[in-house]
Amino acid sequence: MGVAVFVGVFIWTTVWTLDPRDTISADPSVTAKVSEALSDGRMDVQVYALGGRDVRLEIQFMPDTDAGVAADMRPDVNFAMVDMHMDSIAPPLQLVEAGVWRADVKLPMAGRWVVSVGFGEEFAEVEFDAQ
């Protein structure tokens, strides 16, 4: 009985002190994704809703060979709530490699969001739920 109590307290203390972000799988499943053909190439966007309003955005841009656009040209990114008229969020992007970016965002509130990713007037848009 004493051993069971000791093990229970040890496990409870370990789990209780963990940061919830540390318990997220290293390979979370995609919450939403879109692949859009733009005039200069293809834009692939994947959204991972990690819980606690934390979101990871992964972007890959593959320019057309004849478009003359550099693969490392940084896209514009904009998060906005679907049903509310509030200021949008433009997170900083981390360049992972040529044509690939990542952003980690803490959204201000749970709900239905849309993220727009693109260049100039051309955007790929994807909606997702953040909890």
Protein backbone atom coordinates (compact mmCIF):
# COMPACT_ATOMS: atom_id res chain seq x y z
CA MET A 1 0.00 0.00 0.00
CA GLY A 2 2.78 2.42 0.89
CA VAL A 3 4.61 1.69 -2.37
CA ALA A 4 1.42 2.36 -4.39
CA VAL A 5 0.94 5.72 -2.63
CA PHE A 6 4.59 6.65 -3.22
CA VAL A 7 4.38 5.76 -6.94
CA GLY A 8 1.07 7.64 -7.26
CA VAL A 9 2.52 10.78 -5.66
CA PHE A 10 5.63 10.54 -7.85
CA ILE A 11 3.57 10.24 -11.06
CA TRP A 12 1.17 13.02 -10.01
CA THR A 13 4.07 15.38 -9.20
CA THR A 14 5.74 14.66 -12.53
CA VAL A 15 2.59 15.19 -14.61
CA TRP A 16 1.44 18.21 -12.62
CA THR A 17 4.73 20.10 -13.16
CA LEU A 18 4.91 19.51 -16.93
CA ASP A 19 4.33 22.40 -19.27
CA PRO A 20 1.34 21.40 -21.47
CA ARG A 21 3.31 22.37 -24.58
CA ASP A 22 5.91 19.72 -23.69
CA THR A 23 3.28 16.97 -23.81
CA ILE A 24 2.26 17.71 -27.40
CA SER A 25 3.28 15.08 -29.89
CA ALA A 26 6.38 15.91 -31.91
CA ASP A 27 4.35 15.14 -35.03
CA PRO A 28 0.85 16.53 -34.47
CA SER A 29 -1.75 15.83 -37.10
CA VAL A 30 -2.71 18.51 -39.60
CA THR A 31 -5.82 20.45 -38.56
CA ALA A 32 -6.37 22.14 -41.92
CA LYS A 33 -4.47 22.45 -45.17
CA VAL A 34 -4.76 23.96 -48.61
CA SER A 35 -2.76 23.81 -51.80
CA GLU A 36 -3.36 26.75 -54.12
CA ALA A 37 -2.00 27.47 -57.61
CA LEU A 38 -0.93 31.12 -57.77
CA SER A 39 0.25 32.90 -60.91
CA ASP A 40 3.92 32.49 -59.86
CA GLY A 41 3.77 28.97 -58.43
CA ARG A 42 2.11 26.65 -55.92
CA MET A 43 1.47 27.57 -52.28
CA ASP A 44 0.96 24.73 -49.75
CA VAL A 45 -0.26 25.74 -46.29
CA GLN A 46 -0.72 23.46 -43.27
CA VAL A 47 -2.20 24.50 -39.93
CA TYR A 48 -1.64 22.54 -36.72
CA ALA A 49 -3.97 23.49 -33.83
CA LEU A 50 -1.87 22.39 -30.85
CA GLY A 51 -4.37 23.23 -28.10
CA GLY A 52 -4.46 26.14 -25.68
CA ARG A 53 -4.94 28.46 -28.72
CA ASP A 54 -1.39 27.59 -29.86
CA VAL A 55 -1.13 27.17 -33.62
CA ARG A 56 1.76 26.16 -35.85
CA LEU A 57 1.67 27.30 -39.48
CA GLU A 58 3.85 25.64 -42.11
CA ILE A 59 4.15 27.14 -45.58
CA GLN A 60 5.85 25.86 -48.70
CA PHE A 61 6.07 27.88 -51.92
CA MET A 62 7.21 26.20 -55.11
CA PRO A 63 7.71 28.84 -57.82
CA ASP A 64 7.14 28.07 -61.47
CA THR A 65 10.44 27.71 -63.29
CA ASP A 66 9.52 30.38 -65.84
CA ALA A 67 8.00 32.85 -63.35
CA GLY A 68 11.31 34.41 -62.34
CA VAL A 69 10.29 34.50 -58.64
CA ALA A 70 12.77 33.52 -55.95
CA ALA A 71 11.76 30.59 -53.75
CA ASP A 72 12.86 32.52 -50.64
CA MET A 73 10.53 35.48 -51.27
CA ARG A 74 8.68 35.88 -47.94
CA PRO A 75 4.88 35.54 -48.23
CA ASP A 76 2.36 37.76 -46.45
CA VAL A 77 0.52 35.95 -43.63
CA ASN A 78 -2.63 37.10 -41.91
CA PHE A 79 -4.74 35.39 -39.20
CA ALA A 80 -8.28 36.70 -38.65
CA MET A 81 -11.40 35.45 -36.88
CA VAL A 82 -14.09 34.35 -39.32
CA ASP A 83 -17.12 35.93 -37.62
CA MET A 84 -15.55 38.97 -35.97
CA HIS A 85 -14.30 42.24 -37.33
CA MET A 86 -11.14 42.72 -35.35
CA ASP A 87 -7.54 43.48 -36.16
CA SER A 88 -5.72 40.64 -37.80
CA ILE A 89 -2.53 38.95 -36.62
CA ALA A 90 0.57 38.92 -38.82
CA PRO A 91 3.07 36.58 -37.12
CA PRO A 92 6.79 36.63 -37.79
CA LEU A 93 7.88 33.85 -40.12
CA GLN A 94 10.91 31.66 -39.57
CA LEU A 95 12.68 30.62 -42.78
CA VAL A 96 13.28 26.87 -42.50
CA GLU A 97 14.84 26.43 -45.95
CA ALA A 98 14.37 27.98 -49.39
CA GLY A 99 10.63 28.23 -50.01
CA VAL A 100 9.64 26.84 -46.58
CA TRP A 101 8.52 28.94 -43.58
CA ARG A 102 7.11 28.25 -40.15
CA ALA A 103 5.29 30.39 -37.60
CA ASP A 104 4.16 29.59 -34.07
CA VAL A 105 1.23 31.71 -32.95
CA LYS A 106 -0.71 32.10 -29.70
CA LEU A 107 -4.18 33.25 -30.77
CA PRO A 108 -5.97 35.71 -28.45
CA MET A 109 -9.20 33.69 -28.31
CA ALA A 110 -10.67 30.33 -29.24
CA GLY A 111 -13.01 30.05 -32.21
CA ARG A 112 -13.10 29.80 -35.99
CA TRP A 113 -10.08 31.41 -37.68
CA VAL A 114 -8.92 31.90 -41.25
CA VAL A 115 -5.30 32.26 -42.28
CA SER A 116 -4.38 33.90 -45.60
CA VAL A 117 -0.95 33.29 -47.12
CA GLY A 118 0.25 34.75 -50.39
CA PHE A 119 1.86 37.50 -52.40
CA GLY A 120 0.25 40.81 -53.37
CA GLU A 121 -3.39 40.18 -54.28
CA GLU A 122 -3.11 36.37 -54.57
CA PHE A 123 -3.72 34.34 -51.43
CA ALA A 124 -4.32 30.78 -50.32
CA GLU A 125 -6.87 30.75 -47.50
CA VAL A 126 -7.72 28.02 -45.02
CA GLU A 127 -10.18 28.00 -42.10
CA PHE A 128 -9.65 26.09 -38.85
CA ASP A 129 -10.89 25.86 -35.28
CA ALA A 130 -8.61 26.94 -32.45
CA GLN A 131 -9.45 25.70 -28.96
